[in-house]
Amino acid sequence: MSGSTRTMGMLTAGALVAVTAYTVALGSNGWLWFGWVILGLITIGMAATRET
Protein backbone atom coordinates (compact mmCIF):
# COMPACT_ATOMS: atom_id res chain seq x y z
CA MET A 1 0.00 0.00 0.00
CA SER A 2 1.41 3.37 -0.98
CA GLY A 3 1.84 6.21 1.47
CA SER A 4 -1.08 8.23 0.14
CA THR A 5 -3.42 5.23 0.24
CA ARG A 6 -2.32 4.43 3.80
CA THR A 7 -2.93 8.05 4.81
CA MET A 8 -6.36 8.01 3.18
CA GLY A 9 -7.19 4.79 5.04
CA MET A 10 -6.20 6.34 8.36
CA LEU A 11 -8.27 9.44 7.54
CA THR A 12 -11.27 7.25 6.72
CA ALA A 13 -10.91 5.31 9.98
CA GLY A 14 -10.56 8.56 11.95
CA ALA A 15 -13.63 9.97 10.24
CA LEU A 16 -15.58 6.84 11.18
CA VAL A 17 -14.65 7.34 14.82
CA ALA A 18 -15.60 11.03 14.66
CA VAL A 19 -18.96 10.40 12.96
CA THR A 20 -19.76 7.61 15.42
CA ALA A 21 -18.90 9.86 18.37
CA TYR A 22 -21.07 12.63 16.93
CA THR A 23 -23.95 10.20 16.48
CA VAL A 24 -23.67 8.94 20.06
CA ALA A 25 -23.39 12.45 21.53
CA LEU A 26 -25.83 14.46 19.42
CA GLY A 27 -27.88 12.02 17.37
CA SER A 28 -27.64 10.73 13.85
CA ASN A 29 -26.91 13.00 10.91
CA GLY A 30 -27.49 11.37 7.53
CA TRP A 31 -25.20 13.78 5.69
CA LEU A 32 -22.24 12.86 7.90
CA TRP A 33 -22.79 9.16 7.24
CA PHE A 34 -23.25 9.84 3.53
CA GLY A 35 -19.97 11.75 3.47
CA TRP A 36 -18.21 8.94 5.31
CA VAL A 37 -19.50 6.36 2.81
CA ILE A 38 -18.22 8.50 -0.09
CA LEU A 39 -14.85 8.86 1.64
CA GLY A 40 -14.72 5.08 2.14
CA LEU A 41 -15.52 4.44 -1.52
CA ILE A 42 -12.78 6.83 -2.61
CA THR A 43 -10.33 5.06 -0.30
CA ILE A 44 -11.31 1.64 -1.67
CA GLY A 45 -10.95 2.99 -5.21
CA MET A 46 -7.48 4.30 -4.42
CA ALA A 47 -6.45 0.94 -2.98
CA ALA A 48 -7.89 -0.95 -5.95
CA THR A 49 -6.17 1.19 -8.58
CA ARG A 50 -2.78 1.63 -6.93
CA GLU A 51 0.22 0.99 -9.12
CA THR A 52 2.27 -2.11 -8.35
C-alpha atoms as a PDB file:
ATOM      1  CA  MET A   1       0.000   0.000   0.000  1.00  0.00           C
ATOM      2  CA  SER A   2       1.414   3.369  -0.977  1.00  0.00           C
ATOM      3  CA  GLY A   3       1.840   6.212   1.473  1.00  0.00           C
ATOM      4  CA  SER A   4      -1.080   8.235   0.141  1.00  0.00           C
ATOM      5  CA  THR A   5      -3.418   5.232   0.244  1.00  0.00           C
ATOM      6  CA  ARG A   6      -2.325   4.425   3.798  1.00  0.00           C
ATOM      7  CA  THR A   7      -2.929   8.050   4.810  1.00  0.00           C
ATOM      8  CA  MET A   8      -6.358   8.009   3.181  1.00  0.00           C
ATOM      9  CA  GLY A   9      -7.185   4.791   5.041  1.00  0.00           C
ATOM     10  CA  MET A  10      -6.202   6.336   8.359  1.00  0.00           C
ATOM     11  CA  LEU A  11      -8.266   9.442   7.539  1.00  0.00           C
ATOM     12  CA  THR A  12     -11.273   7.250   6.720  1.00  0.00           C
ATOM     13  CA  ALA A  13     -10.906   5.315   9.984  1.00  0.00           C
ATOM     14  CA  GLY A  14     -10.559   8.558  11.947  1.00  0.00           C
ATOM     15  CA  ALA A  15     -13.628   9.972  10.236  1.00  0.00           C
ATOM     16  CA  LEU A  16     -15.580   6.838  11.179  1.00  0.00           C
ATOM     17  CA  VAL A  17     -14.646   7.340  14.825  1.00  0.00           C
ATOM     18  CA  ALA A  18     -15.604  11.027  14.656  1.00  0.00           C
ATOM     19  CA  VAL A  19     -18.961  10.395  12.955  1.00  0.00           C
ATOM     20  CA  THR A  20     -19.758   7.606  15.417  1.00  0.00           C
ATOM     21  CA  ALA A  21     -18.897   9.856  18.373  1.00  0.00           C
ATOM     22  CA  TYR A  22     -21.073  12.631  16.932  1.00  0.00           C
ATOM     23  CA  THR A  23     -23.951  10.200  16.480  1.00  0.00           C
ATOM     24  CA  VAL A  24     -23.669   8.944  20.065  1.00  0.00           C
ATOM     25  CA  ALA A  25     -23.393  12.449  21.534  1.00  0.00           C
ATOM     26  CA  LEU A  26     -25.834  14.460  19.418  1.00  0.00           C
ATOM     27  CA  GLY A  27     -27.880  12.015  17.370  1.00  0.00           C
ATOM     28  CA  SER A  28     -27.639  10.728  13.850  1.00  0.00           C
ATOM     29  CA  ASN A  29     -26.906  13.004  10.915  1.00  0.00           C
ATOM     30  CA  GLY A  30     -27.486  11.374   7.532  1.00  0.00           C
ATOM     31  CA  TRP A  31     -25.197  13.785   5.687  1.00  0.00           C
ATOM     32  CA  LEU A  32     -22.241  12.857   7.898  1.00  0.00           C
ATOM     33  CA  TRP A  33     -22.792   9.164   7.242  1.00  0.00           C
ATOM     34  CA  PHE A  34     -23.254   9.838   3.529  1.00  0.00           C
ATOM     35  CA  GLY A  35     -19.966  11.754   3.474  1.00  0.00           C
ATOM     36  CA  TRP A  36     -18.206   8.945   5.308  1.00  0.00           C
ATOM     37  CA  VAL A  37     -19.498   6.364   2.806  1.00  0.00           C
ATOM     38  CA  ILE A  38     -18.224   8.495  -0.088  1.00  0.00           C
ATOM     39  CA  LEU A  39     -14.846   8.858   1.644  1.00  0.00           C
ATOM     40  CA  GLY A  40     -14.719   5.083   2.137  1.00  0.00           C
ATOM     41  CA  LEU A  41     -15.524   4.438  -1.523  1.00  0.00           C
ATOM     42  CA  ILE A  42     -12.785   6.830  -2.607  1.00  0.00           C
ATOM     43  CA  THR A  43     -10.327   5.058  -0.297  1.00  0.00           C
ATOM     44  CA  ILE A  44     -11.313   1.641  -1.673  1.00  0.00           C
ATOM     45  CA  GLY A  45     -10.950   2.991  -5.208  1.00  0.00           C
ATOM     46  CA  MET A  46      -7.476   4.302  -4.425  1.00  0.00           C
ATOM     47  CA  ALA A  47      -6.454   0.937  -2.976  1.00  0.00           C
ATOM     48  CA  ALA A  48      -7.889  -0.949  -5.954  1.00  0.00           C
ATOM     49  CA  THR A  49      -6.171   1.194  -8.579  1.00  0.00           C
ATOM     50  CA  ARG A  50      -2.776   1.625  -6.932  1.00  0.00           C
ATOM     51  CA  GLU A  51       0.217   0.990  -9.119  1.00  0.00           C
ATOM     52  CA  THR A  52       2.271  -2.108  -8.350  1.00  0.00           C
END
